[in-house]
């Protein structure tokens, strides 16, 4: 285990977080808020600790997949711990558990909140809360790869990106992975700015537009109003609906469009399936809502908004969908597990995994009729490797195992099944609101500390695609770390003796 490289990466992450925190700090300065001191304390702490951890650049910068997963898991944990400190120090969220829950929910782009009155927050804290969505949406390690020179030997950068990026596979858009990361962030930044501009055309202030765009871009869901999007105009709801859907699309699609490879973009089977699922879900919910809504336009708007919000795992709400029909709520719960496209900022299982699983079932059924035929699974006209199919199946089994265990642990609190089921489903799939006691008009603040920590684990596991987080619970990881540290001590002793 390359301990020195893991420490170096963690130091870079902590220092990067300190630099990013300057933005909400300046916001507090502009609005003359006393929360600026909380930000300054954490910024200085992050910069000092991060710099101390990165003073000595490791001679061996090779990172294998195991180190990449460990570094990623610890990065997100430290990112959340340092990220919650401004809330605690300022007293805006005085409980460490609640502040950590809110911050993990932000960075993992879940959007599940413990706050009942978000409108009372200061501007600096509100911006930081929403900005965590934007930081976590594309991935902090992807951002690190884009701006900080790192050795790409032995596929080290790819191993870091695989450990953090959502989806069953990660590929390079261009030969150098650093350039891939930069292209992704240019697209991400450009779409965020574009949404903010459209929102300001709807008479939103610059501050509100940025907070909303950060939440939409990261498909996070922290609202700036207590009723989420219920009080905003139909125009703003439609703008957010469109951009939620756009941010749920595989970013490779935008790369192909940007470089005029339209045919390849349109041939992406996952994107076509994703849009068909959205269209079908909107149709079903609209037909159901027409029975209670006099205006068909309102029915379509609320159906489209909520379908886009849930399938992309954004978690905004334009209405209290907990009061909708059982058909509507069933469709939305199903969409919680579907999720957005691989390579997007959305969570959930991902459409590509579901397509592969469906084709695997079809292949298995076909083998009963034609046992001697060898049929391969194809996506986008290319055969899907057996390793990818195996990884998808293992992911689904692991997801169901964690989901079942989490529902059982949460049920120990004694709440109803709908609350327990949807709370875990929303956190594990990084959705945000659930149903019943954690519905769109309520929050997670009333849950016990134990339940919140279970859900925090689920949020991190869901964002990191399960295995990087599970790996740090393997005793073998720490055995390798201890052995690596011991070998390093022996090597330095031998070097001193030789000198």
Protein backbone atom coordinates (compact mmCIF):
# COMPACT_ATOMS: atom_id res chain seq x y z
CA UNK A 1 0.00 0.00 0.00
CA UNK A 2 1.42 3.36 -1.08
CA UNK A 3 0.66 5.20 2.18
CA UNK A 4 2.66 8.31 1.33
CA UNK A 5 0.69 8.85 -1.89
CA UNK A 6 -2.64 8.39 -0.08
CA UNK A 7 -1.60 10.99 2.52
CA UNK A 8 -0.43 13.31 -0.28
CA UNK A 9 -3.80 13.07 -2.07
CA UNK A 10 -5.72 13.65 1.16
CA UNK A 11 -3.59 16.72 1.83
CA UNK A 12 -4.33 18.08 -1.64
CA UNK A 13 -8.06 17.52 -1.09
CA UNK A 14 -8.06 19.31 2.28
CA UNK A 15 -6.10 22.23 0.85
CA UNK A 16 -8.39 22.40 -2.18
CA UNK A 17 -11.43 22.52 0.09
CA UNK A 18 -9.89 25.44 1.98
CA UNK A 19 -9.42 27.32 -1.29
CA UNK A 20 -12.98 26.59 -2.46
CA UNK A 21 -14.33 27.83 0.88
CA UNK A 22 -12.99 31.29 0.03
CA UNK A 23 -16.03 31.78 -2.27
CA UNK A 24 -18.69 31.58 0.51
CA UNK A 25 -16.31 33.50 2.78
CA UNK A 26 -16.30 36.39 0.29
CA UNK A 27 -20.08 36.14 0.11
CA UNK A 28 -20.27 36.63 3.89
CA UNK A 29 -17.92 39.60 3.51
CA UNK A 30 -20.11 41.17 0.81
CA UNK A 31 -23.24 40.80 2.96
CA UNK A 32 -21.31 41.87 6.10
CA UNK A 33 -22.15 38.70 8.04
CA UNK A 34 -20.28 37.55 11.15
CA UNK A 35 -20.12 33.99 9.72
CA UNK A 36 -17.01 35.15 7.87
CA UNK A 37 -14.95 34.32 10.97
CA UNK A 38 -16.17 30.69 10.94
CA UNK A 39 -15.06 30.37 7.33
CA UNK A 40 -11.70 32.00 8.03
CA UNK A 41 -10.96 29.59 10.89
CA UNK A 42 -11.71 26.54 8.73
CA UNK A 43 -9.91 27.96 5.65
CA UNK A 44 -6.71 28.57 7.62
CA UNK A 45 -6.97 25.13 9.25
CA UNK A 46 -7.44 23.41 5.88
CA UNK A 47 -4.56 25.26 4.24
CA UNK A 48 -2.16 24.59 7.14
CA UNK A 49 -3.06 20.90 7.53
CA UNK A 50 -3.18 20.32 3.77
CA UNK A 51 0.18 22.02 3.22
CA UNK A 52 1.83 19.98 5.99
CA UNK A 53 0.51 16.77 4.42
CA UNK A 54 1.84 17.72 0.96
CA UNK A 55 5.23 19.19 1.88
CA UNK A 56 6.99 16.00 0.86
CA UNK A 57 5.99 14.75 -2.58
CA UNK A 58 6.21 10.93 -2.67
CA UNK A 59 8.97 9.45 -4.82
CA UNK A 60 6.65 6.62 -5.83
CA UNK A 61 3.45 8.17 -7.19
CA UNK A 62 1.91 4.97 -8.52
CA UNK A 63 -1.66 4.36 -7.42
CA UNK A 64 -3.33 1.03 -8.04
CA UNK A 65 -7.09 0.55 -7.84
CA UNK A 66 -6.91 -0.42 -4.17
CA UNK A 67 -5.07 2.77 -3.22
CA UNK A 68 -7.42 4.76 -5.47
CA UNK A 69 -10.49 3.42 -3.66
CA UNK A 70 -8.99 4.00 -0.19
CA UNK A 71 -7.85 7.53 -1.08
CA UNK A 72 -11.28 8.32 -2.56
CA UNK A 73 -13.24 7.03 0.45
CA UNK A 74 -11.07 8.87 2.99
CA UNK A 75 -11.10 12.01 0.80
CA UNK A 76 -14.89 12.22 0.91
CA UNK A 77 -15.00 11.55 4.66
CA UNK A 78 -12.41 14.26 5.42
CA UNK A 79 -14.06 16.60 2.92
CA UNK A 80 -17.33 16.24 4.83
CA UNK A 81 -15.78 16.61 8.29
CA UNK A 82 -13.93 19.82 7.41
CA UNK A 83 -16.89 21.01 5.31
CA UNK A 84 -19.33 20.82 8.23
CA UNK A 85 -17.15 22.85 10.60
CA UNK A 86 -18.33 26.32 9.40
CA UNK A 87 -21.91 25.33 10.29
CA UNK A 88 -20.84 24.15 13.76
CA UNK A 89 -18.49 27.06 14.54
CA UNK A 90 -20.97 29.71 13.39
CA UNK A 91 -23.80 28.07 15.31
CA UNK A 92 -26.03 27.85 12.23
CA UNK A 93 -26.15 24.07 12.79
CA UNK A 94 -24.70 23.69 16.31
CA UNK A 95 -25.01 19.88 16.46
CA UNK A 96 -21.99 18.15 14.89
CA UNK A 97 -24.11 15.15 13.84
CA UNK A 98 -26.68 17.36 12.12
CA UNK A 99 -24.00 19.51 10.50
CA UNK A 100 -22.17 16.41 9.25
CA UNK A 101 -25.43 14.95 7.91
CA UNK A 102 -26.19 18.19 6.04
CA UNK A 103 -22.66 18.40 4.63
CA UNK A 104 -22.46 14.76 3.53
CA UNK A 105 -25.89 15.21 1.96
CA UNK A 106 -24.48 18.23 0.14
CA UNK A 107 -21.23 16.72 -1.15
CA UNK A 108 -22.89 13.44 -2.17
CA UNK A 109 -25.58 15.52 -3.94
CA UNK A 110 -28.31 13.78 -1.95
CA UNK A 111 -30.20 16.85 -0.76
CA UNK A 112 -31.71 15.22 2.34
CA UNK A 113 -31.86 17.99 4.93
CA UNK A 114 -32.25 18.30 8.69
CA UNK A 115 -33.22 21.98 8.42
CA UNK A 116 -36.81 23.12 8.77
CA UNK A 117 -36.17 26.82 8.00
CA UNK A 118 -33.52 27.22 5.30
CA UNK A 119 -34.60 30.79 4.56
CA UNK A 120 -33.19 31.93 7.93
CA UNK A 121 -29.65 30.94 6.96
CA UNK A 122 -27.04 33.60 6.28
CA UNK A 123 -26.01 34.21 2.67
CA UNK A 124 -22.51 32.78 3.18
CA UNK A 125 -23.76 29.56 4.76
CA UNK A 126 -26.55 29.21 2.19
CA UNK A 127 -24.06 29.53 -0.66
CA UNK A 128 -21.66 27.02 0.95
CA UNK A 129 -24.52 24.58 1.50
CA UNK A 130 -25.51 24.76 -2.20
CA UNK A 131 -21.91 24.96 -3.42
CA UNK A 132 -21.19 21.56 -1.83
CA UNK A 133 -23.57 20.11 -4.44
CA UNK A 134 -21.59 21.64 -7.27
CA UNK A 135 -18.26 20.45 -5.83
CA UNK A 136 -19.50 16.90 -5.30
CA UNK A 137 -21.49 16.67 -8.52
CA UNK A 138 -18.65 16.06 -10.94
CA UNK A 139 -16.29 14.79 -8.24
CA UNK A 140 -13.59 16.45 -6.21
CA UNK A 141 -10.87 14.04 -7.37
CA UNK A 142 -11.81 14.66 -10.99
CA UNK A 143 -11.37 18.37 -10.23
CA UNK A 144 -8.02 17.59 -8.60
CA UNK A 145 -6.89 15.71 -11.72
CA UNK A 146 -7.93 18.67 -13.86
CA UNK A 147 -5.89 21.34 -12.04
CA UNK A 148 -2.99 19.63 -10.20
CA UNK A 149 -0.08 17.91 -11.99
CA UNK A 150 0.08 14.24 -10.98
CA UNK A 151 2.08 11.33 -12.31
CA UNK A 152 -0.04 9.19 -14.62
CA UNK A 153 2.26 6.18 -14.41
CA UNK A 154 0.65 2.74 -14.27
CA UNK A 155 -2.79 4.22 -14.90
CA UNK A 156 -2.78 5.98 -11.50
CA UNK A 157 -5.07 8.82 -12.62
CA UNK A 158 -7.50 6.36 -14.16
CA UNK A 159 -7.62 4.36 -10.92
CA UNK A 160 -8.54 7.51 -9.02
CA UNK A 161 -11.20 8.44 -11.55
CA UNK A 162 -12.66 4.91 -11.56
CA UNK A 163 -12.97 4.99 -7.78
CA UNK A 164 -14.98 8.21 -7.81
CA UNK A 165 -16.87 8.51 -11.10
CA UNK A 166 -20.39 7.10 -11.26
CA UNK A 167 -21.30 4.35 -13.69
CA UNK A 168 -20.24 0.85 -14.68
CA UNK A 169 -17.25 2.03 -16.71
CA UNK A 170 -14.95 5.01 -17.05
CA UNK A 171 -13.22 5.88 -20.27
CA UNK A 172 -11.03 8.63 -21.63
CA UNK A 173 -12.55 11.09 -24.09
CA UNK A 174 -9.06 12.14 -25.19
CA UNK A 175 -5.70 10.34 -24.88
CA UNK A 176 -4.64 12.20 -21.71
CA UNK A 177 -6.93 11.76 -18.71
CA UNK A 178 -6.06 15.23 -17.39
CA UNK A 179 -7.50 16.73 -20.56
CA UNK A 180 -10.61 14.55 -20.16
CA UNK A 181 -11.12 15.93 -16.65
CA UNK A 182 -10.69 19.49 -17.92
CA UNK A 183 -13.17 18.98 -20.77
CA UNK A 184 -15.74 17.56 -18.36
CA UNK A 185 -15.38 20.53 -16.02
CA UNK A 186 -15.57 23.05 -18.88
CA UNK A 187 -18.87 21.49 -19.97
CA UNK A 188 -20.06 21.35 -16.34
CA UNK A 189 -19.14 24.98 -15.65
CA UNK A 190 -20.62 26.21 -18.94
CA UNK A 191 -23.97 24.50 -18.35
CA UNK A 192 -24.09 25.86 -14.79
CA UNK A 193 -23.55 29.44 -16.00
CA UNK A 194 -26.11 28.97 -18.77
CA UNK A 195 -28.76 27.83 -16.30
CA UNK A 196 -28.03 30.75 -13.98
CA UNK A 197 -28.53 33.16 -16.90
CA UNK A 198 -31.89 31.57 -17.82
CA UNK A 199 -32.98 31.77 -14.17
CA UNK A 200 -32.13 35.47 -14.00
CA UNK A 201 -34.34 36.01 -17.06
CA UNK A 202 -37.11 34.75 -14.76
CA UNK A 203 -36.41 37.63 -12.35
CA UNK A 204 -34.30 35.59 -9.94
CA UNK A 205 -31.53 37.44 -8.14
CA UNK A 206 -27.93 36.53 -8.99
CA UNK A 207 -27.45 34.94 -5.56
CA UNK A 208 -30.60 32.79 -5.81
CA UNK A 209 -29.80 31.85 -9.41
CA UNK A 210 -26.29 30.67 -8.48
CA UNK A 211 -27.52 28.65 -5.48
CA UNK A 212 -30.21 27.04 -7.64
CA UNK A 213 -27.82 26.36 -10.50
CA UNK A 214 -25.28 24.77 -8.12
CA UNK A 215 -27.99 22.45 -6.81
CA UNK A 216 -29.30 21.56 -10.27
CA UNK A 217 -25.85 21.05 -11.81
CA UNK A 218 -24.80 18.68 -9.06
CA UNK A 219 -28.30 17.12 -9.11
CA UNK A 220 -28.29 17.78 -5.39
CA UNK A 221 -31.57 19.34 -4.31
CA UNK A 222 -30.86 21.78 -1.48
CA UNK A 223 -33.53 24.41 -2.01
CA UNK A 224 -33.29 28.07 -1.05
CA UNK A 225 -36.96 28.23 -0.01
CA UNK A 226 -38.74 26.27 2.70
CA UNK A 227 -41.19 24.89 0.13
CA UNK A 228 -38.37 23.98 -2.30
CA UNK A 229 -39.80 25.14 -5.69
CA UNK A 230 -43.49 25.35 -4.87
CA UNK A 231 -43.54 29.16 -4.71
CA UNK A 232 -41.48 29.79 -7.85
CA UNK A 233 -43.02 30.77 -11.17
CA UNK A 234 -43.88 28.18 -13.84
CA UNK A 235 -41.08 29.61 -16.02
CA UNK A 236 -38.43 28.95 -13.37
CA UNK A 237 -39.84 25.47 -12.71
CA UNK A 238 -39.62 24.66 -16.44
CA UNK A 239 -36.04 25.97 -16.66
CA UNK A 240 -34.98 23.83 -13.71
CA UNK A 241 -36.85 20.82 -15.15
CA UNK A 242 -34.99 21.04 -18.45
CA UNK A 243 -31.59 21.49 -16.81
CA UNK A 244 -32.18 18.65 -14.34
CA UNK A 245 -32.77 16.35 -17.31
CA UNK A 246 -29.72 17.74 -19.13
CA UNK A 247 -27.42 17.20 -16.14
CA UNK A 248 -28.67 13.61 -15.91
CA UNK A 249 -27.35 12.86 -19.41
CA UNK A 250 -23.99 11.13 -19.88
CA UNK A 251 -21.46 13.94 -20.37
CA UNK A 252 -19.87 11.97 -23.23
CA UNK A 253 -23.00 12.94 -25.18
CA UNK A 254 -22.12 16.63 -24.83
CA UNK A 255 -18.51 15.95 -25.77
CA UNK A 256 -19.61 14.30 -29.02
CA UNK A 257 -22.05 17.15 -29.74
CA UNK A 258 -19.38 19.75 -28.93
CA UNK A 259 -16.95 18.20 -31.38
CA UNK A 260 -19.65 17.69 -34.02
CA UNK A 261 -19.87 13.92 -33.80
CA UNK A 262 -23.67 14.07 -33.79
CA UNK A 263 -24.12 10.56 -35.16
CA UNK A 264 -22.16 9.03 -32.27
CA UNK A 265 -24.08 11.15 -29.76
CA UNK A 266 -27.46 10.06 -31.11
CA UNK A 267 -26.37 6.40 -31.16
CA UNK A 268 -25.88 6.33 -27.37
CA UNK A 269 -28.41 3.70 -26.29
CA UNK A 270 -28.33 4.72 -22.64
CA UNK A 271 -29.33 8.32 -23.40
CA UNK A 272 -32.22 7.21 -25.62
CA UNK A 273 -33.47 4.81 -22.93
CA UNK A 274 -33.13 7.51 -20.26
CA UNK A 275 -35.27 9.93 -22.26
CA UNK A 276 -37.87 7.25 -23.03
CA UNK A 277 -38.18 6.38 -19.33
CA UNK A 278 -38.70 10.07 -18.52
CA UNK A 279 -41.34 10.44 -21.24
CA UNK A 280 -43.19 7.33 -20.09
CA UNK A 281 -43.13 8.34 -16.42
CA UNK A 282 -44.35 11.88 -17.21
CA UNK A 283 -47.22 10.46 -19.25
CA UNK A 284 -48.37 8.09 -16.48
CA UNK A 285 -48.18 10.73 -13.74
CA UNK A 286 -49.84 13.41 -15.90
CA UNK A 287 -52.81 11.12 -16.62
CA UNK A 288 -53.12 10.44 -12.89
CA UNK A 289 -52.83 14.13 -11.89
CA UNK A 290 -55.48 15.18 -14.44
CA UNK A 291 -58.05 13.53 -12.20
CA UNK A 292 -57.31 16.03 -9.42
CA UNK A 293 -55.98 19.07 -11.35
CA UNK A 294 -58.31 21.13 -13.51
CA UNK A 295 -55.49 22.55 -15.63
CA UNK A 296 -53.68 20.05 -17.88
CA UNK A 297 -50.75 22.46 -18.18
CA UNK A 298 -50.18 22.36 -14.42
CA UNK A 299 -50.44 18.57 -14.42
CA UNK A 300 -47.78 18.25 -17.13
CA UNK A 301 -45.51 20.81 -15.43
CA UNK A 302 -45.63 19.18 -12.00
CA UNK A 303 -45.30 15.69 -13.49
CA UNK A 304 -42.30 16.70 -15.61
CA UNK A 305 -40.64 18.56 -12.74
CA UNK A 306 -41.02 15.70 -10.26
CA UNK A 307 -40.02 12.96 -12.71
CA UNK A 308 -36.91 14.94 -13.71
CA UNK A 309 -36.13 15.65 -10.08
CA UNK A 310 -36.38 12.02 -8.94
CA UNK A 311 -34.79 10.18 -11.88
CA UNK A 312 -31.83 12.56 -11.90
CA UNK A 313 -31.70 12.25 -8.08
CA UNK A 314 -31.89 16.04 -7.69
CA UNK A 315 -34.65 15.98 -5.12
CA UNK A 316 -36.33 19.36 -5.70
CA UNK A 317 -40.11 19.49 -5.22
CA UNK A 318 -42.65 21.70 -6.98
CA UNK A 319 -45.53 20.16 -5.02
CA UNK A 320 -46.16 17.83 -2.11
CA UNK A 321 -46.03 14.60 -4.12
CA UNK A 322 -46.61 12.64 -0.91
CA UNK A 323 -50.27 13.65 -1.35
CA UNK A 324 -50.45 12.31 -4.92
CA UNK A 325 -52.08 9.02 -5.87
CA UNK A 326 -50.50 5.66 -5.09
CA UNK A 327 -49.77 5.23 -8.80
CA UNK A 328 -47.75 8.47 -8.90
CA UNK A 329 -45.84 7.63 -5.73
CA UNK A 330 -45.07 4.12 -7.00
CA UNK A 331 -43.65 5.50 -10.26
CA UNK A 332 -41.49 7.98 -8.33
CA UNK A 333 -40.15 5.28 -5.97
CA UNK A 334 -39.24 3.12 -8.99
CA UNK A 335 -37.43 6.11 -10.53
CA UNK A 336 -35.42 6.47 -7.29
CA UNK A 337 -33.72 3.18 -8.09
CA UNK A 338 -33.40 3.82 -11.83
CA UNK A 339 -31.30 6.96 -11.55
CA UNK A 340 -29.68 8.98 -14.31
CA UNK A 341 -27.08 8.05 -16.94
CA UNK A 342 -23.59 6.82 -16.17
CA UNK A 343 -21.05 9.63 -16.53
CA UNK A 344 -23.58 12.25 -15.39
CA UNK A 345 -23.87 14.04 -12.06
CA UNK A 346 -26.95 11.97 -11.17
CA UNK A 347 -27.10 9.08 -8.73
CA UNK A 348 -29.12 5.87 -8.55
CA UNK A 349 -28.30 2.55 -10.20
CA UNK A 350 -27.79 4.23 -13.58
CA UNK A 351 -29.73 3.51 -16.75
CA UNK A 352 -26.79 1.71 -18.39
CA UNK A 353 -26.74 -0.90 -15.61
CA UNK A 354 -30.47 -1.50 -15.98
CA UNK A 355 -30.11 -1.88 -19.76
CA UNK A 356 -27.30 -4.41 -19.28
CA UNK A 357 -29.30 -6.32 -16.64
CA UNK A 358 -32.37 -6.41 -18.90
CA UNK A 359 -30.33 -7.69 -21.83
CA UNK A 360 -28.73 -10.30 -19.55
CA UNK A 361 -32.19 -11.62 -18.63
CA UNK A 362 -33.22 -11.70 -22.30
CA UNK A 363 -30.02 -13.56 -23.15
CA UNK A 364 -30.67 -16.09 -20.38
CA UNK A 365 -34.24 -16.69 -21.56
CA UNK A 366 -33.02 -17.10 -25.13
CA UNK A 367 -30.55 -19.79 -24.01
CA UNK A 368 -33.49 -21.97 -22.90
CA UNK A 369 -34.75 -22.07 -26.49
CA UNK A 370 -31.36 -22.17 -28.20
CA UNK A 371 -28.88 -23.65 -25.67
CA UNK A 372 -26.09 -24.05 -28.25
CA UNK A 373 -26.26 -20.48 -29.56
CA UNK A 374 -23.62 -18.06 -28.26
CA UNK A 375 -25.26 -14.66 -27.96
CA UNK A 376 -23.39 -11.58 -26.78
CA UNK A 377 -24.83 -8.52 -25.10
CA UNK A 378 -24.34 -5.36 -27.15
CA UNK A 379 -24.60 -1.67 -26.30
CA UNK A 380 -24.13 1.10 -28.86
CA UNK A 381 -23.29 -1.57 -31.43
CA UNK A 382 -20.37 -2.94 -29.38
CA UNK A 383 -20.20 -6.17 -27.36
CA UNK A 384 -20.28 -5.73 -23.58
CA UNK A 385 -17.36 -7.54 -21.97
CA UNK A 386 -18.09 -10.33 -19.50
CA UNK A 387 -16.25 -8.39 -16.75
CA UNK A 388 -18.67 -5.49 -17.14
CA UNK A 389 -21.71 -7.80 -16.91
CA UNK A 390 -20.22 -9.49 -13.84
CA UNK A 391 -19.51 -6.10 -12.22
CA UNK A 392 -23.11 -4.97 -12.86
CA UNK A 393 -24.52 -8.13 -11.28
CA UNK A 394 -22.21 -7.84 -8.25
CA UNK A 395 -23.12 -4.17 -7.87
CA UNK A 396 -26.85 -4.95 -7.85
CA UNK A 397 -26.47 -7.76 -5.29
CA UNK A 398 -24.34 -5.54 -3.04
CA UNK A 399 -26.77 -2.63 -3.39
CA UNK A 400 -29.71 -4.80 -2.38
CA UNK A 401 -27.72 -6.18 0.57
CA UNK A 402 -26.84 -2.72 1.89
CA UNK A 403 -30.39 -1.51 1.25
CA UNK A 404 -31.95 -4.41 3.18
CA UNK A 405 -29.55 -4.06 6.12
CA UNK A 406 -30.05 -0.29 6.24
CA UNK A 407 -33.85 -0.58 6.25
CA UNK A 408 -33.59 -3.05 9.14
CA UNK A 409 -31.25 -0.78 11.14
CA UNK A 410 -33.40 2.29 10.51
CA UNK A 411 -36.53 0.34 11.51
CA UNK A 412 -35.12 -0.05 15.04
CA UNK A 413 -36.24 3.55 15.62
CA UNK A 414 -39.84 2.35 15.36
CA UNK A 415 -41.11 4.47 12.48
CA UNK A 416 -43.47 3.24 9.74
CA UNK A 417 -42.27 1.12 6.83
CA UNK A 418 -42.88 3.79 4.16
CA UNK A 419 -40.69 6.26 6.08
CA UNK A 420 -37.92 3.70 6.64
CA UNK A 421 -38.01 2.31 3.10
CA UNK A 422 -38.01 5.67 1.30
CA UNK A 423 -35.50 7.27 3.70
CA UNK A 424 -32.95 4.57 2.87
CA UNK A 425 -33.89 4.55 -0.83
CA UNK A 426 -33.50 8.32 -1.08
CA UNK A 427 -30.15 8.40 0.75
CA UNK A 428 -28.61 5.32 -0.87
CA UNK A 429 -29.62 6.58 -4.33
CA UNK A 430 -28.73 10.21 -3.44
CA UNK A 431 -32.28 11.47 -4.06
CA UNK A 432 -33.17 13.68 -1.07
CA UNK A 433 -36.82 13.60 -0.04
CA UNK A 434 -38.71 10.38 0.58
CA UNK A 435 -42.31 9.81 1.60
CA UNK A 436 -44.35 10.00 4.80
CA UNK A 437 -42.23 11.44 7.68
CA UNK A 438 -39.31 12.27 5.32
CA UNK A 439 -41.53 13.59 2.53
CA UNK A 440 -41.00 16.75 0.46
CA UNK A 441 -42.64 19.05 3.05
CA UNK A 442 -40.76 17.51 6.00
CA UNK A 443 -37.11 16.73 6.77
CA UNK A 444 -34.71 14.27 8.40
CA UNK A 445 -34.14 16.38 11.54
CA UNK A 446 -36.42 14.29 13.75
CA UNK A 447 -34.46 11.06 13.24
CA UNK A 448 -32.16 9.74 15.96
CA UNK A 449 -28.39 10.14 15.79
CA UNK A 450 -27.93 6.40 15.09
CA UNK A 451 -30.33 6.51 12.12
CA UNK A 452 -28.62 9.60 10.75
CA UNK A 453 -25.22 7.87 10.80
CA UNK A 454 -26.70 4.85 8.99
CA UNK A 455 -28.10 7.20 6.35
CA UNK A 456 -24.79 9.10 6.16
CA UNK A 457 -23.07 5.82 5.34
CA UNK A 458 -25.73 5.14 2.70
CA UNK A 459 -25.23 8.57 1.11
CA UNK A 460 -21.46 8.09 0.85
CA UNK A 461 -21.83 4.50 -0.37
CA UNK A 462 -24.33 5.54 -3.03
CA UNK A 463 -22.19 8.42 -4.30
CA UNK A 464 -18.99 6.33 -4.43
CA UNK A 465 -20.68 3.33 -6.07
CA UNK A 466 -20.46 1.20 -2.90
CA UNK A 467 -17.09 -0.52 -3.17
CA UNK A 468 -14.60 2.29 -2.37
CA UNK A 469 -16.41 2.90 0.92
CA UNK A 470 -16.84 -0.80 1.70
CA UNK A 471 -13.13 -1.36 1.12
CA UNK A 472 -12.10 0.76 4.12
CA UNK A 473 -13.99 -1.67 6.36
CA UNK A 474 -11.74 -4.51 5.17
CA UNK A 475 -9.09 -5.31 7.83
CA UNK A 476 -6.69 -6.25 5.03
CA UNK A 477 -6.48 -2.60 3.99
CA UNK A 478 -5.11 -1.56 7.38
CA UNK A 479 -2.81 -4.58 7.50
CA UNK A 480 -1.32 -3.48 4.17
CA UNK A 481 -1.03 0.10 5.46
CA UNK A 482 0.84 -1.05 8.58
CA UNK A 483 3.12 -3.32 6.54
CA UNK A 484 3.78 -0.50 4.08
CA UNK A 485 4.63 1.91 6.91
CA UNK A 486 6.94 -0.68 8.49
CA UNK A 487 8.76 -1.28 5.19
CA UNK A 488 9.18 2.48 4.82
CA UNK A 489 10.71 2.75 8.30
CA UNK A 490 13.12 -0.13 7.56
CA UNK A 491 14.11 1.44 4.24
CA UNK A 492 14.86 4.80 5.86
CA UNK A 493 16.93 3.09 8.57
CA UNK A 494 18.95 1.28 5.94
CA UNK A 495 19.50 4.56 4.05
CA UNK A 496 20.73 6.28 7.22
CA UNK A 497 23.13 3.42 7.98
CA UNK A 498 24.44 3.50 4.42
CA UNK A 499 25.17 7.22 4.78
